[in-house]
PDB file of N, CA and C in Angstrom:
ATOM      1  N   HIS A   1     -12.108   3.069  -8.286  1.00  0.00           N
ATOM      2  CA  HIS A   1     -12.568   4.212  -7.538  1.00  0.00           C
ATOM      3  C   HIS A   1     -13.636   4.988  -8.301  1.00  0.00           C
ATOM      4  N   GLN A   2     -13.557   5.001  -9.645  1.00  0.00           N
ATOM      5  CA  GLN A   2     -14.523   5.790 -10.418  1.00  0.00           C
ATOM      6  C   GLN A   2     -15.926   5.203 -10.326  1.00  0.00           C
ATOM      7  N   ARG A   3     -16.019   3.900 -10.456  1.00  0.00           N
ATOM      8  CA  ARG A   3     -17.333   3.263 -10.410  1.00  0.00           C
ATOM      9  C   ARG A   3     -17.965   3.405  -9.032  1.00  0.00           C
ATOM     10  N   LEU A   4     -17.147   3.373  -8.000  1.00  0.00           N
ATOM     11  CA  LEU A   4     -17.651   3.498  -6.634  1.00  0.00           C
ATOM     12  C   LEU A   4     -17.813   4.951  -6.200  1.00  0.00           C
ATOM     13  N   LYS A   5     -17.378   5.873  -7.051  1.00  0.00           N
ATOM     14  CA  LYS A   5     -17.489   7.310  -6.786  1.00  0.00           C
ATOM     15  C   LYS A   5     -16.777   7.730  -5.498  1.00  0.00           C
ATOM     16  N   ILE A   6     -15.547   7.210  -5.335  1.00  0.00           N
ATOM     17  CA  ILE A   6     -14.699   7.649  -4.234  1.00  0.00           C
ATOM     18  C   ILE A   6     -13.473   8.328  -4.817  1.00  0.00           C
ATOM     19  N   GLN A   7     -12.879   9.192  -4.065  1.00  0.00           N
ATOM     20  CA  GLN A   7     -11.715   9.936  -4.518  1.00  0.00           C
ATOM     21  C   GLN A   7     -10.466   9.037  -4.490  1.00  0.00           C
ATOM     22  N   PRO A   8      -9.538   9.236  -5.433  1.00  0.00           N
ATOM     23  CA  PRO A   8      -8.309   8.437  -5.445  1.00  0.00           C
ATOM     24  C   PRO A   8      -7.543   8.498  -4.125  1.00  0.00           C
ATOM     25  N   GLU A   9      -7.623   9.623  -3.422  1.00  0.00           N
ATOM     26  CA  GLU A   9      -6.923   9.772  -2.148  1.00  0.00           C
ATOM     27  C   GLU A   9      -7.489   8.854  -1.072  1.00  0.00           C
ATOM     28  N   GLN A  10      -8.663   8.296  -1.321  1.00  0.00           N
ATOM     29  CA  GLN A  10      -9.302   7.399  -0.358  1.00  0.00           C
ATOM     30  C   GLN A  10      -8.996   5.924  -0.643  1.00  0.00           C
ATOM     31  N   VAL A  11      -8.210   5.660  -1.676  1.00  0.00           N
ATOM     32  CA  VAL A  11      -7.908   4.282  -2.077  1.00  0.00           C
ATOM     33  C   VAL A  11      -6.591   3.850  -1.444  1.00  0.00           C
ATOM     34  N   ALA A  12      -6.596   2.689  -0.795  1.00  0.00           N
ATOM     35  CA  ALA A  12      -5.381   2.092  -0.254  1.00  0.00           C
ATOM     36  C   ALA A  12      -5.080   0.832  -1.053  1.00  0.00           C
ATOM     37  N   VAL A  13      -3.816   0.662  -1.420  1.00  0.00           N
ATOM     38  CA  VAL A  13      -3.376  -0.527  -2.142  1.00  0.00           C
ATOM     39  C   VAL A  13      -2.305  -1.219  -1.313  1.00  0.00           C
ATOM     40  N   ALA A  14      -2.226  -2.529  -1.429  1.00  0.00           N
ATOM     41  CA  ALA A  14      -1.228  -3.299  -0.686  1.00  0.00           C
ATOM     42  C   ALA A  14      -0.632  -4.352  -1.601  1.00  0.00           C
ATOM     43  N   GLY A  15       0.640  -4.640  -1.383  1.00  0.00           N
ATOM     44  CA  GLY A  15       1.281  -5.646  -2.213  1.00  0.00           C
ATOM     45  C   GLY A  15       2.560  -6.170  -1.616  1.00  0.00           C
ATOM     46  N   ASP A  16       3.082  -7.226  -2.295  1.00  0.00           N
ATOM     47  CA  ASP A  16       4.309  -7.846  -1.819  1.00  0.00           C
ATOM     48  C   ASP A  16       5.249  -8.278  -2.935  1.00  0.00           C
ATOM     49  N   SER A  17       4.864  -8.061  -4.205  1.00  0.00           N
ATOM     50  CA  SER A  17       5.725  -8.514  -5.287  1.00  0.00           C
ATOM     51  C   SER A  17       5.767  -7.497  -6.424  1.00  0.00           C
ATOM     52  N   GLY A  18       6.716  -7.701  -7.322  1.00  0.00           N
ATOM     53  CA  GLY A  18       6.929  -6.775  -8.421  1.00  0.00           C
ATOM     54  C   GLY A  18       5.730  -6.579  -9.322  1.00  0.00           C
ATOM     55  N   ASN A  19       4.865  -7.578  -9.406  1.00  0.00           N
ATOM     56  CA  ASN A  19       3.693  -7.408 -10.272  1.00  0.00           C
ATOM     57  C   ASN A  19       2.690  -6.426  -9.667  1.00  0.00           C
ATOM     58  N   ASP A  20       2.939  -5.972  -8.449  1.00  0.00           N
ATOM     59  CA  ASP A  20       2.075  -4.988  -7.797  1.00  0.00           C
ATOM     60  C   ASP A  20       2.573  -3.552  -8.001  1.00  0.00           C
ATOM     61  N   LEU A  21       3.713  -3.378  -8.629  1.00  0.00           N
ATOM     62  CA  LEU A  21       4.344  -2.056  -8.753  1.00  0.00           C
ATOM     63  C   LEU A  21       3.427  -0.987  -9.326  1.00  0.00           C
ATOM     64  N   GLU A  22       2.656  -1.324 -10.327  1.00  0.00           N
ATOM     65  CA  GLU A  22       1.829  -0.328 -11.007  1.00  0.00           C
ATOM     66  C   GLU A  22       0.756   0.280 -10.112  1.00  0.00           C
ATOM     67  N   MET A  23       0.397  -0.392  -9.033  1.00  0.00           N
ATOM     68  CA  MET A  23      -0.627   0.142  -8.126  1.00  0.00           C
ATOM     69  C   MET A  23      -0.099   1.261  -7.244  1.00  0.00           C
ATOM     70  N   PHE A  24       1.197   1.294  -7.035  1.00  0.00           N
ATOM     71  CA  PHE A  24       1.786   2.194  -6.049  1.00  0.00           C
ATOM     72  C   PHE A  24       2.104   3.565  -6.636  1.00  0.00           C
ATOM     73  N   VAL A  25       1.057   4.248  -7.080  1.00  0.00           N
ATOM     74  CA  VAL A  25       1.198   5.589  -7.619  1.00  0.00           C
ATOM     75  C   VAL A  25       0.355   6.543  -6.771  1.00  0.00           C
ATOM     76  N   ALA A  26       0.891   7.730  -6.550  1.00  0.00           N
ATOM     77  CA  ALA A  26       0.122   8.744  -5.830  1.00  0.00           C
ATOM     78  C   ALA A  26      -1.063   9.138  -6.699  1.00  0.00           C
ATOM     79  N   PRO A  27      -2.189   9.425  -6.129  1.00  0.00           N
ATOM     80  CA  PRO A  27      -2.442   9.688  -4.730  1.00  0.00           C
ATOM     81  C   PRO A  27      -2.892   8.464  -3.936  1.00  0.00           C
ATOM     82  N   TYR A  28      -2.842   7.253  -4.555  1.00  0.00           N
ATOM     83  CA  TYR A  28      -3.217   6.060  -3.800  1.00  0.00           C
ATOM     84  C   TYR A  28      -2.296   5.909  -2.600  1.00  0.00           C
ATOM     85  N   LYS A  29      -2.820   5.388  -1.505  1.00  0.00           N
ATOM     86  CA  LYS A  29      -2.051   5.163  -0.287  1.00  0.00           C
ATOM     87  C   LYS A  29      -1.523   3.736  -0.329  1.00  0.00           C
ATOM     88  N   GLY A  30      -0.220   3.591  -0.423  1.00  0.00           N
ATOM     89  CA  GLY A  30       0.396   2.283  -0.574  1.00  0.00           C
ATOM     90  C   GLY A  30       0.807   1.650   0.733  1.00  0.00           C
ATOM     91  N   ILE A  31       0.647   0.326   0.779  1.00  0.00           N
ATOM     92  CA  ILE A  31       1.101  -0.473   1.917  1.00  0.00           C
ATOM     93  C   ILE A  31       1.994  -1.576   1.363  1.00  0.00           C
ATOM     94  N   ILE A  32       3.251  -1.565   1.748  1.00  0.00           N
ATOM     95  CA  ILE A  32       4.193  -2.596   1.336  1.00  0.00           C
ATOM     96  C   ILE A  32       4.508  -3.429   2.562  1.00  0.00           C
ATOM     97  N   VAL A  33       4.163  -4.700   2.508  1.00  0.00           N
ATOM     98  CA  VAL A  33       4.351  -5.580   3.666  1.00  0.00           C
ATOM     99  C   VAL A  33       5.821  -5.941   3.824  1.00  0.00           C
ATOM    100  N   ALA A  34       6.217  -6.333   5.029  1.00  0.00           N
ATOM    101  CA  ALA A  34       7.619  -6.580   5.357  1.00  0.00           C
ATOM    102  C   ALA A  34       8.246  -7.685   4.532  1.00  0.00           C
ATOM    103  N   ASN A  35       7.462  -8.665   4.103  1.00  0.00           N
ATOM    104  CA  ASN A  35       7.997  -9.781   3.335  1.00  0.00           C
ATOM    105  C   ASN A  35       7.967  -9.521   1.825  1.00  0.00           C
ATOM    106  N   ALA A  36       7.828  -8.268   1.427  1.00  0.00           N
ATOM    107  CA  ALA A  36       7.751  -7.914   0.005  1.00  0.00           C
ATOM    108  C   ALA A  36       9.086  -8.151  -0.698  1.00  0.00           C
ATOM    109  N   ASP A  37       8.995  -8.321  -2.019  1.00  0.00           N
ATOM    110  CA  ASP A  37      10.183  -8.457  -2.852  1.00  0.00           C
ATOM    111  C   ASP A  37      11.019  -7.169  -2.776  1.00  0.00           C
ATOM    112  N   PRO A  38      12.334  -7.292  -2.947  1.00  0.00           N
ATOM    113  CA  PRO A  38      13.214  -6.116  -2.858  1.00  0.00           C
ATOM    114  C   PRO A  38      12.840  -4.983  -3.814  1.00  0.00           C
ATOM    115  N   ASP A  39      12.372  -5.297  -5.025  1.00  0.00           N
ATOM    116  CA  ASP A  39      12.039  -4.229  -5.963  1.00  0.00           C
ATOM    117  C   ASP A  39      10.867  -3.386  -5.475  1.00  0.00           C
ATOM    118  N   LEU A  40       9.956  -3.994  -4.759  1.00  0.00           N
ATOM    119  CA  LEU A  40       8.820  -3.253  -4.211  1.00  0.00           C
ATOM    120  C   LEU A  40       9.246  -2.468  -2.963  1.00  0.00           C
ATOM    121  N   LYS A  41      10.117  -3.054  -2.164  1.00  0.00           N
ATOM    122  CA  LYS A  41      10.562  -2.404  -0.927  1.00  0.00           C
ATOM    123  C   LYS A  41      11.414  -1.167  -1.200  1.00  0.00           C
ATOM    124  N   GLN A  42      11.881  -0.989  -2.426  1.00  0.00           N
ATOM    125  CA  GLN A  42      12.662   0.191  -2.787  1.00  0.00           C
ATOM    126  C   GLN A  42      11.796   1.438  -2.949  1.00  0.00           C
ATOM    127  N   LEU A  43      10.494   1.257  -3.091  1.00  0.00           N
ATOM    128  CA  LEU A  43       9.600   2.393  -3.269  1.00  0.00           C
ATOM    129  C   LEU A  43       9.548   3.234  -2.005  1.00  0.00           C
ATOM    130  N   SER A  44       9.413   4.522  -2.189  1.00  0.00           N
ATOM    131  CA  SER A  44       9.287   5.413  -1.036  1.00  0.00           C
ATOM    132  C   SER A  44       8.481   6.630  -1.450  1.00  0.00           C
ATOM    133  N   GLY A  45       8.107   7.404  -0.482  1.00  0.00           N
ATOM    134  CA  GLY A  45       7.349   8.618  -0.718  1.00  0.00           C
ATOM    135  C   GLY A  45       6.296   8.788   0.356  1.00  0.00           C
ATOM    136  N   GLN A  46       5.682   9.947   0.360  1.00  0.00           N
ATOM    137  CA  GLN A  46       4.675  10.235   1.377  1.00  0.00           C
ATOM    138  C   GLN A  46       3.445   9.359   1.228  1.00  0.00           C
ATOM    139  N   HIS A  47       3.253   8.759   0.071  1.00  0.00           N
ATOM    140  CA  HIS A  47       2.081   7.916  -0.156  1.00  0.00           C
ATOM    141  C   HIS A  47       2.381   6.430   0.044  1.00  0.00           C
ATOM    142  N   ILE A  48       3.587   6.108   0.526  1.00  0.00           N
ATOM    143  CA  ILE A  48       3.993   4.715   0.727  1.00  0.00           C
ATOM    144  C   ILE A  48       4.232   4.457   2.211  1.00  0.00           C
ATOM    145  N   TYR A  49       3.639   3.375   2.711  1.00  0.00           N
ATOM    146  CA  TYR A  49       3.906   2.935   4.082  1.00  0.00           C
ATOM    147  C   TYR A  49       4.586   1.578   4.019  1.00  0.00           C
ATOM    148  N   GLN A  50       5.748   1.473   4.645  1.00  0.00           N
ATOM    149  CA  GLN A  50       6.488   0.217   4.731  1.00  0.00           C
ATOM    150  C   GLN A  50       6.124  -0.456   6.049  1.00  0.00           C
ATOM    151  N   ALA A  51       5.330  -1.499   5.969  1.00  0.00           N
ATOM    152  CA  ALA A  51       4.892  -2.199   7.176  1.00  0.00           C
ATOM    153  C   ALA A  51       6.039  -2.998   7.784  1.00  0.00           C
ATOM    154  N   GLY A  52       5.988  -3.175   9.071  1.00  0.00           N
ATOM    155  CA  GLY A  52       6.975  -3.980   9.778  1.00  0.00           C
ATOM    156  C   GLY A  52       6.570  -5.430   9.910  1.00  0.00           C
ATOM    157  N   LEU A  53       5.325  -5.729   9.536  1.00  0.00           N
ATOM    158  CA  LEU A  53       4.801  -7.085   9.663  1.00  0.00           C
ATOM    159  C   LEU A  53       4.592  -7.722   8.287  1.00  0.00           C
ATOM    160  N   ASN A  54       4.549  -9.036   8.263  1.00  0.00           N
ATOM    161  CA  ASN A  54       4.389  -9.804   7.022  1.00  0.00           C
ATOM    162  C   ASN A  54       2.926 -10.070   6.683  1.00  0.00           C
ATOM    163  N   HIS A  55       2.705 -10.357   5.413  1.00  0.00           N
ATOM    164  CA  HIS A  55       1.427 -10.862   4.900  1.00  0.00           C
ATOM    165  C   HIS A  55       0.241  -9.994   5.350  1.00  0.00           C
ATOM    166  N   ALA A  56      -0.860 -10.633   5.710  1.00  0.00           N
ATOM    167  CA  ALA A  56      -2.085  -9.910   6.082  1.00  0.00           C
ATOM    168  C   ALA A  56      -1.871  -9.035   7.312  1.00  0.00           C
ATOM    169  N   ASP A  57      -0.991  -9.452   8.214  1.00  0.00           N
ATOM    170  CA  ASP A  57      -0.706  -8.624   9.391  1.00  0.00           C
ATOM    171  C   ASP A  57      -0.121  -7.273   8.962  1.00  0.00           C
ATOM    172  N   GLY A  58       0.723  -7.293   7.933  1.00  0.00           N
ATOM    173  CA  GLY A  58       1.290  -6.051   7.416  1.00  0.00           C
ATOM    174  C   GLY A  58       0.243  -5.177   6.752  1.00  0.00           C
ATOM    175  N   VAL A  59      -0.700  -5.804   6.064  1.00  0.00           N
ATOM    176  CA  VAL A  59      -1.791  -5.046   5.449  1.00  0.00           C
ATOM    177  C   VAL A  59      -2.623  -4.373   6.533  1.00  0.00           C
ATOM    178  N   LEU A  60      -2.959  -5.117   7.579  1.00  0.00           N
ATOM    179  CA  LEU A  60      -3.731  -4.535   8.685  1.00  0.00           C
ATOM    180  C   LEU A  60      -2.970  -3.397   9.360  1.00  0.00           C
ATOM    181  N   GLU A  61      -1.665  -3.584   9.528  1.00  0.00           N
ATOM    182  CA  GLU A  61      -0.828  -2.531  10.102  1.00  0.00           C
ATOM    183  C   GLU A  61      -0.916  -1.264   9.239  1.00  0.00           C
ATOM    184  N   GLY A  62      -0.805  -1.438   7.931  1.00  0.00           N
ATOM    185  CA  GLY A  62      -0.884  -0.302   7.019  1.00  0.00           C
ATOM    186  C   GLY A  62      -2.247   0.366   7.018  1.00  0.00           C
ATOM    187  N   LEU A  63      -3.291  -0.419   7.091  1.00  0.00           N
ATOM    188  CA  LEU A  63      -4.636   0.147   7.138  1.00  0.00           C
ATOM    189  C   LEU A  63      -4.837   0.971   8.406  1.00  0.00           C
ATOM    190  N   ARG A  64      -4.218   0.522   9.493  1.00  0.00           N
ATOM    191  CA  ARG A  64      -4.275   1.318  10.723  1.00  0.00           C
ATOM    192  C   ARG A  64      -3.470   2.609  10.557  1.00  0.00           C
ATOM    193  N   PHE A  65      -2.296   2.488   9.924  1.00  0.00           N
ATOM    194  CA  PHE A  65      -1.468   3.680   9.691  1.00  0.00           C
ATOM    195  C   PHE A  65      -2.222   4.718   8.871  1.00  0.00           C
ATOM    196  N   TRP A  66      -2.887   4.279   7.820  1.00  0.00           N
ATOM    197  CA  TRP A  66      -3.642   5.185   6.956  1.00  0.00           C
ATOM    198  C   TRP A  66      -5.001   5.536   7.548  1.00  0.00           C
ATOM    199  N   GLN A  67      -5.277   5.046   8.738  1.00  0.00           N
ATOM    200  CA  GLN A  67      -6.516   5.317   9.480  1.00  0.00           C
ATOM    201  C   GLN A  67      -7.757   4.861   8.732  1.00  0.00           C
ATOM    202  N   VAL A  68      -7.602   3.724   8.039  1.00  0.00           N
ATOM    203  CA  VAL A  68      -8.764   3.097   7.393  1.00  0.00           C
ATOM    204  C   VAL A  68      -9.485   2.228   8.419  1.00  0.00           C
ATOM    205  N   LEU A  69      -8.709   1.641   9.328  1.00  0.00           N
ATOM    206  CA  LEU A  69      -9.263   0.820  10.411  1.00  0.00           C
ATOM    207  C   LEU A  69      -9.081   1.530  11.737  1.00  0.00           C
TER     208      LEU A  69
END
C-alpha cells in the first residue's frame, strides 16, 4: 500500500489457509473463503468477512461485500 500510495483501509486481503493469518490485521479488509482452514475461519471482527462461497467465488463475494466490485 505504501508504494502505491493508498491508505491501509483501502486494502482487501483474501485467504484460505493458516499461512495467510498475518495478512488479516486491521485496518485491512479481510475475506475468508468458505473452504478456508479452521484456524483461519476462527478469525472475526469488523474487518473480517466470512464468505459463503469457496475459492475465487468467495473472493469475489467478499470484494462485493467490501464494495470493491
